[in-house]
């Protein structure tokens, strides 16, 4: 799947990533309704709060960027992800797997639109976005693998 997604035209890769990030969004929303979106930085002890609408705002901003080509909002949102991403990597903020995958998926959507470079595993951010969203929706039983495959096939044409 990685090579197939990486070989899609950029506009199709972005559309695919947006579609799957949106499909995973209910996982984040359900979690955010019940849990506090906070963590404490283990090094300096500062408490951080994540904005509940960060993921929705990011997807919306990416869609707007595709029309306006104005990166200002995307760069602001990207900076909003930096601390939480480090907290997840440092285990200062622990999330259930499907919630974490959803968070990372939207982060990788944003990263992919801003700079779709390959990571150390040779994976483009937009591919990682789709892969994480698929894993999240599958784990949360939002979509079956058959439905996911059908959705992916729509991008072959």
Protein backbone atom coordinates (compact mmCIF):
# COMPACT_ATOMS: atom_id res chain seq x y z
CA UNK A 1 0.00 0.00 0.00
CA UNK A 2 2.88 2.38 0.77
CA UNK A 3 4.22 2.42 -2.79
CA UNK A 4 0.70 2.67 -4.23
CA UNK A 5 -0.11 5.77 -2.11
CA UNK A 6 3.33 7.33 -2.61
CA UNK A 7 2.89 6.99 -6.40
CA UNK A 8 -0.48 8.74 -6.48
CA UNK A 9 -0.51 12.31 -7.81
CA UNK A 10 -0.08 14.80 -4.94
CA UNK A 11 -3.66 16.08 -5.14
CA UNK A 12 -5.02 12.52 -4.82
CA UNK A 13 -2.65 11.75 -1.92
CA UNK A 14 -3.85 14.82 -0.08
CA UNK A 15 -7.53 14.06 -0.80
CA UNK A 16 -7.06 10.48 0.41
CA UNK A 17 -5.30 11.64 3.57
CA UNK A 18 -8.03 14.19 4.31
CA UNK A 19 -10.76 11.61 3.77
CA UNK A 20 -9.22 9.08 6.14
CA UNK A 21 -8.28 11.69 8.75
CA UNK A 22 -11.91 12.82 8.76
CA UNK A 23 -13.09 9.23 9.16
CA UNK A 24 -10.90 8.84 12.26
CA UNK A 25 -11.99 12.18 13.77
CA UNK A 26 -14.96 10.71 15.71
CA UNK A 27 -12.46 8.65 17.71
CA UNK A 28 -10.80 11.84 18.95
CA UNK A 29 -14.11 13.61 19.51
CA UNK A 30 -15.52 10.75 21.59
CA UNK A 31 -12.37 10.64 23.72
CA UNK A 32 -12.26 14.44 24.12
CA UNK A 33 -15.85 14.50 25.39
CA UNK A 34 -15.04 12.16 28.26
CA UNK A 35 -11.40 12.86 29.10
CA UNK A 36 -9.33 15.90 29.91
CA UNK A 37 -6.85 16.67 27.18
CA UNK A 38 -4.00 17.49 29.52
CA UNK A 39 -0.56 16.21 30.38
CA UNK A 40 2.32 17.29 32.59
CA UNK A 41 5.78 17.79 31.15
CA UNK A 42 8.04 15.48 33.16
CA UNK A 43 11.12 17.68 32.76
CA UNK A 44 9.79 21.06 33.90
CA UNK A 45 6.50 19.94 35.45
CA UNK A 46 4.32 22.34 33.47
CA UNK A 47 0.76 21.24 32.77
CA UNK A 48 -0.36 21.51 29.14
CA UNK A 49 -3.87 21.42 27.73
CA UNK A 50 -4.66 20.41 24.17
CA UNK A 51 -7.45 22.26 22.42
CA UNK A 52 -10.37 19.90 21.86
CA UNK A 53 -10.90 21.18 18.30
CA UNK A 54 -7.23 21.02 17.27
CA UNK A 55 -7.73 18.08 14.93
CA UNK A 56 -10.91 19.40 13.31
CA UNK A 57 -9.36 22.86 12.96
CA UNK A 58 -6.31 21.32 11.33
CA UNK A 59 -8.28 19.33 8.77
CA UNK A 60 -10.40 22.40 8.00
CA UNK A 61 -7.27 24.54 7.64
CA UNK A 62 -5.71 22.03 5.26
CA UNK A 63 -8.85 22.10 3.11
CA UNK A 64 -8.78 25.92 3.12
CA UNK A 65 -5.09 25.94 2.26
CA UNK A 66 -5.78 23.90 -0.87
CA UNK A 67 -7.97 26.76 -2.09
CA UNK A 68 -6.05 29.78 -0.73
CA UNK A 69 -2.45 28.50 -0.72
CA UNK A 70 -1.89 30.54 2.48
CA UNK A 71 0.36 28.58 4.85
CA UNK A 72 0.08 30.99 7.79
CA UNK A 73 -2.67 29.07 9.62
CA UNK A 74 -1.05 25.72 8.85
CA UNK A 75 2.22 26.89 10.39
CA UNK A 76 0.42 28.08 13.51
CA UNK A 77 -1.34 24.74 13.84
CA UNK A 78 1.91 22.89 13.25
CA UNK A 79 3.44 24.67 16.22
CA UNK A 80 0.40 23.62 18.31
CA UNK A 81 1.31 19.97 17.66
CA UNK A 82 4.97 20.20 18.62
CA UNK A 83 4.68 19.97 22.42
CA UNK A 84 2.03 17.23 22.42
CA UNK A 85 4.00 15.14 19.92
CA UNK A 86 7.08 15.31 22.16
CA UNK A 87 4.90 14.47 25.17
CA UNK A 88 3.56 11.38 23.39
CA UNK A 89 7.06 10.30 22.43
CA UNK A 90 8.35 10.87 25.98
CA UNK A 91 5.36 9.08 27.54
CA UNK A 92 4.31 12.25 29.35
CA UNK A 93 0.94 11.99 27.63
CA UNK A 94 -0.63 8.58 27.22
CA UNK A 95 -3.60 7.99 24.97
CA UNK A 96 -5.45 4.84 23.97
CA UNK A 97 -3.96 3.41 20.77
CA UNK A 98 -6.76 4.44 18.42
CA UNK A 99 -6.88 7.98 19.87
CA UNK A 100 -3.11 8.29 19.59
CA UNK A 101 -3.19 7.05 15.99
CA UNK A 102 -5.91 9.58 15.18
CA UNK A 103 -3.87 12.41 16.70
CA UNK A 104 -0.75 11.36 14.79
CA UNK A 105 -2.77 10.90 11.60
CA UNK A 106 -3.93 14.51 11.59
CA UNK A 107 -0.43 15.68 12.54
CA UNK A 108 0.98 13.73 9.58
CA UNK A 109 -1.68 15.19 7.28
CA UNK A 110 -0.50 18.65 8.27
CA UNK A 111 3.15 17.69 8.01
CA UNK A 112 2.53 16.08 4.63
CA UNK A 113 0.90 19.18 3.21
CA UNK A 114 3.65 21.43 4.56
CA UNK A 115 6.59 19.19 3.69
CA UNK A 116 5.89 15.69 2.43
CA UNK A 117 9.34 14.33 3.17
CA UNK A 118 10.10 10.70 3.88
CA UNK A 119 10.73 9.64 7.46
CA UNK A 120 13.59 7.36 8.49
CA UNK A 121 11.54 4.36 7.31
CA UNK A 122 11.12 5.79 3.81
CA UNK A 123 7.46 6.66 4.41
CA UNK A 124 5.92 9.91 3.22
CA UNK A 125 3.83 11.78 5.80
CA UNK A 126 0.65 11.51 3.72
CA UNK A 127 1.03 7.75 3.51
CA UNK A 128 1.62 7.62 7.28
CA UNK A 129 -1.51 9.74 7.80
CA UNK A 130 -3.65 7.32 5.81
CA UNK A 131 -2.10 4.27 7.43
CA UNK A 132 -2.60 5.62 10.96
CA UNK A 133 -6.20 6.64 10.24
CA UNK A 134 -6.94 3.20 8.82
CA UNK A 135 -5.44 1.54 11.88
CA UNK A 136 -7.42 3.82 14.20
CA UNK A 137 -10.75 3.26 12.43
CA UNK A 138 -10.14 -0.48 12.24
CA UNK A 139 -9.20 -0.72 15.93
CA UNK A 140 -12.24 1.35 16.91
CA UNK A 141 -14.41 -0.82 14.63
CA UNK A 142 -15.66 2.25 12.73
CA UNK A 143 -14.94 0.73 9.33
CA UNK A 144 -14.38 -2.79 8.14
CA UNK A 145 -11.32 -3.70 6.10
CA UNK A 146 -13.63 -4.39 3.13
CA UNK A 147 -15.05 -0.85 3.26
CA UNK A 148 -11.55 0.60 3.60
CA UNK A 149 -10.36 -1.37 0.56
CA UNK A 150 -13.34 -0.14 -1.47
CA UNK A 151 -12.57 3.45 -0.48
CA UNK A 152 -8.93 3.06 -1.47
CA UNK A 153 -9.90 1.62 -4.85
CA UNK A 154 -11.78 4.82 -5.65
CA UNK A 155 -8.41 6.59 -5.87
CA UNK A 156 -6.95 4.21 -8.48
CA UNK A 157 -8.70 5.85 -11.40
